[in-house]
Amino acid sequence: MKIVKADPSNLNELTELALKLWPDNEQEHLRAEFEELLDSERDILYLATVEGGFVGFIHMSLRVDYVEGSNSSPVGYVEGIYVEENYRNRGISKKLVEAGEQWSKSLGCHQIASDTQLDNVISQKFHKKIGFKEAGRIVAFIKDIK
């Protein structure tokens, strides 16, 4: 297993993995967004490879606004992480997060943060397993106005 920084040559594979995490997105839109992020100084995308195939990714960003539970700024933020189901529980996610931690440290961060849906118990267990502690819970509301 190897962790590599995403680049234009693996943008299609990155997009395919991301669509599995965020299936409500359109492929062209997500690809264009990632293409922009490849040149961003405030974002980084890493891919996990196993035997030459891409099996997971992480999108990290640098947040300077307040992040719940943080006591410093900036904060490295896990915007998304995904590993193919057949490759889970092999330490791949942990290695992706470690790459994100190193990137965050290189930008002066003392903390990294993440979030997950309130009902996503599997993701919550994963975060706790790799060393995150819960900083709070929120319920988001929305109301359509016409």
Protein backbone atom coordinates (compact mmCIF):
# COMPACT_ATOMS: atom_id res chain seq x y z
CA MET A 1 0.00 0.00 0.00
CA LYS A 2 1.23 3.45 -0.93
CA ILE A 3 -0.12 6.97 -0.38
CA VAL A 4 0.37 9.42 -3.27
CA LYS A 5 -0.59 13.04 -3.81
CA ALA A 6 -3.33 13.37 -6.41
CA ASP A 7 -2.35 14.97 -9.69
CA PRO A 8 -3.91 15.46 -13.14
CA SER A 9 -2.91 11.94 -14.21
CA ASN A 10 -5.16 10.31 -11.60
CA LEU A 11 -7.99 12.84 -11.52
CA ASN A 12 -10.48 10.44 -13.13
CA GLU A 13 -9.77 7.71 -10.57
CA LEU A 14 -10.04 10.23 -7.73
CA THR A 15 -13.40 11.41 -9.06
CA GLU A 16 -14.71 7.84 -9.33
CA LEU A 17 -13.80 7.15 -5.70
CA ALA A 18 -15.30 10.46 -4.54
CA LEU A 19 -18.59 9.68 -6.30
CA LYS A 20 -18.90 6.62 -4.07
CA LEU A 21 -18.62 8.85 -1.01
CA TRP A 22 -20.78 11.67 -2.43
CA PRO A 23 -23.14 9.93 -4.90
CA ASP A 24 -25.44 12.95 -5.22
CA ASN A 25 -22.75 14.87 -7.11
CA GLU A 26 -22.41 15.01 -10.87
CA GLN A 27 -19.17 13.52 -12.19
CA GLU A 28 -18.22 16.51 -14.36
CA HIS A 29 -18.84 19.00 -11.55
CA LEU A 30 -16.88 16.98 -8.99
CA ARG A 31 -14.00 16.44 -11.43
CA ALA A 32 -13.82 20.16 -12.17
CA GLU A 33 -13.84 20.94 -8.44
CA PHE A 34 -10.99 18.52 -7.79
CA GLU A 35 -9.07 19.88 -10.77
CA GLU A 36 -9.16 23.32 -9.13
CA LEU A 37 -8.17 21.88 -5.76
CA LEU A 38 -5.02 20.32 -7.25
CA ASP A 39 -3.58 23.85 -7.50
CA SER A 40 -4.89 25.05 -4.14
CA GLU A 41 -2.50 25.94 -1.34
CA ARG A 42 -5.31 25.38 1.19
CA ASP A 43 -6.34 21.88 0.06
CA ILE A 44 -4.65 18.61 -0.66
CA LEU A 45 -5.88 15.31 -2.06
CA TYR A 46 -4.14 11.99 -1.43
CA LEU A 47 -4.87 8.61 -2.96
CA ALA A 48 -4.16 5.16 -1.57
CA THR A 49 -2.87 2.58 -4.01
CA VAL A 50 -2.72 -1.18 -3.62
CA GLU A 51 -1.04 -3.26 -6.33
CA GLY A 52 -1.27 -0.34 -8.76
CA GLY A 53 -4.98 0.31 -8.26
CA PHE A 54 -6.51 3.26 -6.44
CA VAL A 55 -8.58 2.12 -3.45
CA GLY A 56 -9.11 5.23 -1.34
CA PHE A 57 -8.66 8.96 -1.00
CA ILE A 58 -8.66 11.81 1.49
CA HIS A 59 -9.39 15.49 0.92
CA MET A 60 -7.82 17.77 3.54
CA SER A 61 -8.30 21.52 3.77
CA LEU A 62 -6.82 24.30 5.84
CA ARG A 63 -9.48 26.09 7.88
CA VAL A 64 -8.81 29.43 9.51
CA ASP A 65 -12.40 30.02 10.70
CA TYR A 66 -13.46 28.56 14.06
CA VAL A 67 -13.63 24.79 14.12
CA GLU A 68 -15.71 23.28 16.92
CA GLY A 69 -13.50 21.88 19.67
CA SER A 70 -10.29 23.48 18.39
CA ASN A 71 -8.08 25.75 20.46
CA SER A 72 -5.77 26.95 17.71
CA SER A 73 -5.84 28.20 14.15
CA PRO A 74 -5.35 27.16 11.44
CA VAL A 75 -6.78 23.64 11.65
CA GLY A 76 -6.33 20.82 9.16
CA TYR A 77 -9.77 19.51 8.21
CA VAL A 78 -10.78 16.13 6.82
CA GLU A 79 -13.30 17.17 4.18
CA GLY A 80 -13.79 13.61 3.00
CA ILE A 81 -12.21 10.19 3.28
CA TYR A 82 -13.18 6.99 1.51
CA VAL A 83 -11.76 3.49 1.13
CA GLU A 84 -13.25 0.80 -1.09
CA GLU A 85 -15.23 -1.69 0.97
CA ASN A 86 -13.00 -4.66 0.07
CA TYR A 87 -9.95 -2.78 1.41
CA ARG A 88 -11.35 -1.54 4.71
CA ASN A 89 -9.92 -2.56 8.09
CA ARG A 90 -6.41 -2.79 6.64
CA GLY A 91 -5.08 0.51 8.00
CA ILE A 92 -5.50 2.39 4.73
CA SER A 93 -7.70 5.13 6.20
CA LYS A 94 -5.26 5.57 9.04
CA LYS A 95 -2.39 6.04 6.55
CA LEU A 96 -4.44 8.56 4.57
CA VAL A 97 -5.16 10.53 7.75
CA GLU A 98 -1.48 10.38 8.73
CA ALA A 99 -0.58 11.92 5.35
CA GLY A 100 -3.15 14.63 6.04
CA GLU A 101 -1.68 15.20 9.50
CA GLN A 102 1.80 15.69 8.06
CA TRP A 103 0.49 18.14 5.48
CA SER A 104 -1.39 20.03 8.21
CA LYS A 105 1.71 20.18 10.43
CA SER A 106 3.74 21.57 7.51
CA LEU A 107 1.27 24.47 7.37
CA GLY A 108 1.54 25.26 11.09
CA CYS A 109 -1.49 23.35 12.34
CA HIS A 110 -1.52 21.89 15.83
CA GLN A 111 -4.84 20.09 15.38
CA ILE A 112 -6.88 18.35 12.71
CA ALA A 113 -10.65 18.06 12.74
CA SER A 114 -13.39 16.20 10.96
CA ASP A 115 -17.13 15.69 11.06
CA THR A 116 -19.67 13.03 10.21
CA GLN A 117 -23.41 12.64 10.05
CA LEU A 118 -25.11 12.11 13.42
CA ASP A 119 -26.48 8.74 12.30
CA ASN A 120 -23.23 7.51 10.71
CA VAL A 121 -22.12 5.27 13.58
CA ILE A 122 -19.51 3.46 11.46
CA SER A 123 -17.74 6.74 10.67
CA GLN A 124 -17.92 7.80 14.31
CA LYS A 125 -16.28 4.53 15.40
CA PHE A 126 -13.58 4.96 12.74
CA HIS A 127 -12.75 8.48 13.92
CA LYS A 128 -12.48 7.38 17.55
CA LYS A 129 -10.38 4.36 16.60
CA ILE A 130 -7.72 6.52 14.93
CA GLY A 131 -7.48 8.98 17.77
CA PHE A 132 -10.15 11.64 17.26
CA LYS A 133 -12.23 12.66 20.27
CA GLU A 134 -15.78 13.90 19.94
CA ALA A 135 -15.94 17.70 20.22
CA GLY A 136 -19.71 18.12 20.04
CA ARG A 137 -22.88 17.20 18.25
CA ILE A 138 -25.06 19.39 16.11
CA VAL A 139 -28.38 19.09 14.40
CA ALA A 140 -28.68 21.12 11.22
CA PHE A 141 -32.01 22.57 10.18
CA ILE A 142 -33.26 23.97 6.89
CA LYS A 143 -36.54 25.55 5.90
CA ASP A 144 -37.65 26.31 2.38
CA ILE A 145 -39.19 29.73 1.99
CA LYS A 146 -41.27 30.61 -1.04
